Structures are given as structure tokens and as C-alpha cells.
């Protein structure tokens, strides 16, 4: 029996190949934020709204009703806190929107004590959503718990280099294999 790709996976692959690449507004915002020292959250949300990106503040400890038009959005910025409830609600939105076959980009702003905590929250969220192939997460920045200043976060992009351990091969004459000199 041979393995075939799911038709949805085939369509996704073709869409990625044939779709003209356009500049992602979330990546542009993230790059703009990283080039400076940061930005006020209020100014950033105005910039986000001006680029037709939907902004959802998950760091608030209250239930929010999401508009139905959110299902048509392809770029969404989520601001979340480091609390487990905020992370669960953010993942719930990602999971809900991952059910549709469209590609979506989520910009993530983490409200945390320091950049390392923000990186950890983002890595965990990205790890949890890795099963959704059409979802892409981008960290935009972090804000401290006490103010509304959004600072850039630089993720370590260098892969971990592990040293490969090689051993002498084990030869056995039982199978007629012998080391060559």
C-alpha cells in the first residue's frame, strides 16, 4: 500500500508554491519594532489597525466576544499575559482559526516580567501549535507587567549544535561481515 498526501495537504502545498509572495504586515511591524527601541502599546495598536490587522488583547482578565469577521482575517496580533488562563485563551483562538484551510499569521506580544519569560511563553505557544501547518506565529515584542511600552524581543535563531559521537562499528563474523583493513 502506498501513502498519499491528504488532498488538503496537496492543495496547501500548491497554494504556497503558486501564491505570489507578498510582504507580511506582521513581519513588517515586527521588523519596525526591532529597529527601534520599542513603541507605546497605544501607538502600536493604531499602527496595527491602520494595516488592517485585527488586534486581540488576551492579557485582560475578562471574557471577550470575538467578532465573526475574525474568521476572515489572515493577520492577527494577540497580546497575552504570562498567566495560564491568558495562554489557554490565546491557544483556543489559534486552534479555532486553524480549522480553516487558509494560511494565517499571528503576531504575539507577551506581557511578562522580562524578555526571557516572554521568549519562554512564545516558544511554548509555538510548540503547542506546531501541528497546525497553516498557522505561523511571529513574536513581535513584550511589555512589562507595569507599563504599556512594547519592547522588541530577539529570538535566538541559531540552531543548537550537538556534537556527533561516532563509535567503531561492531562487526560480527556470524553474518559474514568482517572489518576491512
Protein backbone atom coordinates (compact mmCIF):
# COMPACT_ATOMS: atom_id res chain seq x y z
CA UNK A 1 0.00 0.00 0.00
CA UNK A 2 1.35 3.43 -0.83
CA UNK A 3 0.93 6.59 1.16
CA UNK A 4 -0.81 9.54 -0.42
CA UNK A 5 -0.93 13.02 0.91
CA UNK A 6 -4.16 14.30 2.25
CA UNK A 7 -5.88 16.35 -0.53
CA UNK A 8 -5.90 19.31 1.87
CA UNK A 9 -2.11 18.99 2.25
CA UNK A 10 -1.69 18.82 -1.53
CA UNK A 11 -3.80 21.93 -2.01
CA UNK A 12 -1.86 23.70 0.74
CA UNK A 13 1.44 22.86 -0.95
CA UNK A 14 0.22 24.07 -4.33
CA UNK A 15 -1.17 27.24 -2.80
CA UNK A 16 2.20 28.00 -1.21
CA UNK A 17 4.04 27.37 -4.48
CA UNK A 18 1.68 29.25 -6.78
CA UNK A 19 0.66 32.08 -4.48
CA UNK A 20 2.69 35.20 -5.13
CA UNK A 21 4.68 36.12 -2.09
CA UNK A 22 3.61 39.37 -0.53
CA UNK A 23 5.13 41.21 2.33
CA UNK A 24 3.58 40.10 5.58
CA UNK A 25 2.37 43.14 7.52
CA UNK A 26 3.06 41.45 10.86
CA UNK A 27 6.68 40.78 9.90
CA UNK A 28 6.98 44.38 8.73
CA UNK A 29 5.65 45.62 12.09
CA UNK A 30 7.97 43.27 13.96
CA UNK A 31 10.96 44.48 11.94
CA UNK A 32 9.98 48.12 12.50
CA UNK A 33 9.69 47.46 16.24
CA UNK A 34 13.05 45.67 16.33
CA UNK A 35 14.83 48.52 14.52
CA UNK A 36 13.90 50.99 17.24
CA UNK A 37 13.93 50.76 20.99
CA UNK A 38 10.24 49.95 21.21
CA UNK A 39 6.89 51.66 20.93
CA UNK A 40 3.96 52.63 23.11
CA UNK A 41 1.23 49.99 23.01
CA UNK A 42 -1.36 52.62 22.08
CA UNK A 43 0.72 53.77 19.07
CA UNK A 44 1.39 50.17 18.08
CA UNK A 45 -2.32 49.28 18.15
CA UNK A 46 -3.07 52.31 15.96
CA UNK A 47 -0.39 51.14 13.52
CA UNK A 48 -1.84 47.60 13.63
CA UNK A 49 -5.34 48.92 12.90
CA UNK A 50 -4.01 51.06 10.05
CA UNK A 51 -2.61 47.95 8.35
CA UNK A 52 -5.96 46.12 8.56
CA UNK A 53 -4.70 43.64 11.15
CA UNK A 54 -7.03 42.52 13.92
CA UNK A 55 -5.73 43.10 17.47
CA UNK A 56 -6.95 40.97 20.40
CA UNK A 57 -5.83 41.75 23.94
CA UNK A 58 -5.82 38.41 25.77
CA UNK A 59 -3.91 39.85 28.73
CA UNK A 60 -7.12 41.23 30.18
CA UNK A 61 -8.74 39.00 32.78
CA UNK A 62 -12.21 39.22 31.32
CA UNK A 63 -14.14 37.29 28.71
CA UNK A 64 -14.21 38.83 25.25
CA UNK A 65 -16.65 38.24 22.47
CA UNK A 66 -14.80 37.90 19.21
CA UNK A 67 -16.40 39.27 16.06
CA UNK A 68 -17.49 36.83 13.37
CA UNK A 69 -15.40 38.81 10.87
CA UNK A 70 -12.32 37.46 12.67
CA UNK A 71 -12.77 34.22 10.71
CA UNK A 72 -11.89 36.15 7.53
CA UNK A 73 -8.73 37.73 8.96
CA UNK A 74 -5.38 36.35 7.86
CA UNK A 75 -3.20 38.54 10.08
CA UNK A 76 -4.00 38.77 13.77
CA UNK A 77 -2.00 40.17 16.67
CA UNK A 78 -2.56 38.58 20.07
CA UNK A 79 -1.41 40.28 23.25
CA UNK A 80 -1.27 37.81 26.08
CA UNK A 81 -0.05 37.68 29.64
CA UNK A 82 2.20 35.05 31.12
CA UNK A 83 -0.73 33.60 33.08
CA UNK A 84 -2.00 30.15 32.19
CA UNK A 85 -5.55 31.43 31.56
CA UNK A 86 -4.35 34.00 29.05
CA UNK A 87 -2.20 31.43 27.24
CA UNK A 88 -5.13 28.96 27.13
CA UNK A 89 -7.45 31.59 25.63
CA UNK A 90 -4.84 32.56 23.04
CA UNK A 91 -4.27 28.93 22.08
CA UNK A 92 -8.05 28.45 21.87
CA UNK A 93 -8.27 31.23 19.29
CA UNK A 94 -5.35 29.78 17.32
CA UNK A 95 -6.93 26.32 17.43
CA UNK A 96 -10.31 27.67 16.34
CA UNK A 97 -8.87 29.55 13.38
CA UNK A 98 -6.62 26.63 12.44
CA UNK A 99 -9.69 24.61 11.45
CA UNK A 100 -9.98 26.57 8.22
CA UNK A 101 -7.52 25.83 5.40
CA UNK A 102 -6.35 29.44 4.96
CA UNK A 103 -2.84 30.44 5.92
CA UNK A 104 -2.82 32.73 8.95
CA UNK A 105 -0.07 34.71 10.62
CA UNK A 106 -0.31 35.54 14.30
CA UNK A 107 1.82 38.27 15.81
CA UNK A 108 2.39 37.66 19.51
CA UNK A 109 3.01 40.35 22.14
CA UNK A 110 3.67 38.88 25.59
CA UNK A 111 3.10 40.85 28.77
CA UNK A 112 5.80 39.42 31.03
CA UNK A 113 8.32 40.30 33.72
CA UNK A 114 11.32 40.14 31.39
CA UNK A 115 12.29 39.18 27.82
CA UNK A 116 13.36 35.66 28.83
CA UNK A 117 9.90 34.90 30.23
CA UNK A 118 8.32 36.32 27.07
CA UNK A 119 10.54 34.05 24.94
CA UNK A 120 9.57 31.03 27.03
CA UNK A 121 5.85 31.78 26.71
CA UNK A 122 6.22 32.26 22.94
CA UNK A 123 8.27 29.06 22.48
CA UNK A 124 5.70 27.05 24.43
CA UNK A 125 2.81 28.52 22.43
CA UNK A 126 4.65 27.87 19.17
CA UNK A 127 5.43 24.31 20.26
CA UNK A 128 1.78 23.69 21.16
CA UNK A 129 0.57 24.98 17.78
CA UNK A 130 3.15 23.18 15.63
CA UNK A 131 0.52 20.66 14.48
CA UNK A 132 -1.31 23.39 12.55
CA UNK A 133 0.65 23.66 9.30
CA UNK A 134 -1.26 26.70 8.03
CA UNK A 135 -0.55 28.72 11.20
CA UNK A 136 2.58 30.82 11.56
CA UNK A 137 3.48 32.55 14.82
CA UNK A 138 5.77 35.58 14.97
CA UNK A 139 6.90 37.19 18.19
CA UNK A 140 6.59 40.94 17.93
CA UNK A 141 7.69 42.04 21.36
CA UNK A 142 6.96 42.10 25.06
CA UNK A 143 5.62 44.61 27.51
CA UNK A 144 6.36 44.59 31.20
CA UNK A 145 3.51 43.97 33.56
CA UNK A 146 3.51 47.54 34.89
CA UNK A 147 3.62 49.69 31.75
CA UNK A 148 2.38 49.90 28.18
CA UNK A 149 5.75 50.08 26.43
CA UNK A 150 6.33 47.29 23.90
CA UNK A 151 9.98 46.32 23.54
CA UNK A 152 11.37 44.13 20.77
CA UNK A 153 12.34 40.53 21.51
CA UNK A 154 15.06 38.82 19.54
CA UNK A 155 14.71 35.06 19.42
CA UNK A 156 17.86 33.02 19.14
CA UNK A 157 17.74 31.75 15.58
CA UNK A 158 20.97 29.77 15.74
CA UNK A 159 20.25 26.06 15.93
CA UNK A 160 21.73 24.11 18.78
CA UNK A 161 24.81 22.32 17.54
CA UNK A 162 25.22 18.91 19.02
CA UNK A 163 28.41 17.02 18.68
CA UNK A 164 28.01 13.76 16.88
CA UNK A 165 29.55 10.82 18.64
CA UNK A 166 30.90 8.11 16.39
CA UNK A 167 31.88 4.69 17.54
CA UNK A 168 33.82 1.95 15.94
CA UNK A 169 31.43 -0.26 14.03
CA UNK A 170 30.67 -3.61 15.53
CA UNK A 171 31.41 -6.42 13.10
CA UNK A 172 30.31 -9.94 13.52
CA UNK A 173 31.52 -12.93 11.61
CA UNK A 174 28.18 -14.59 12.19
CA UNK A 175 26.76 -12.79 9.16
CA UNK A 176 29.92 -12.93 7.13
CA UNK A 177 30.82 -9.33 7.77
CA UNK A 178 34.37 -8.61 8.70
CA UNK A 179 36.26 -5.36 9.05
CA UNK A 180 38.44 -4.40 6.15
CA UNK A 181 42.00 -3.43 6.80
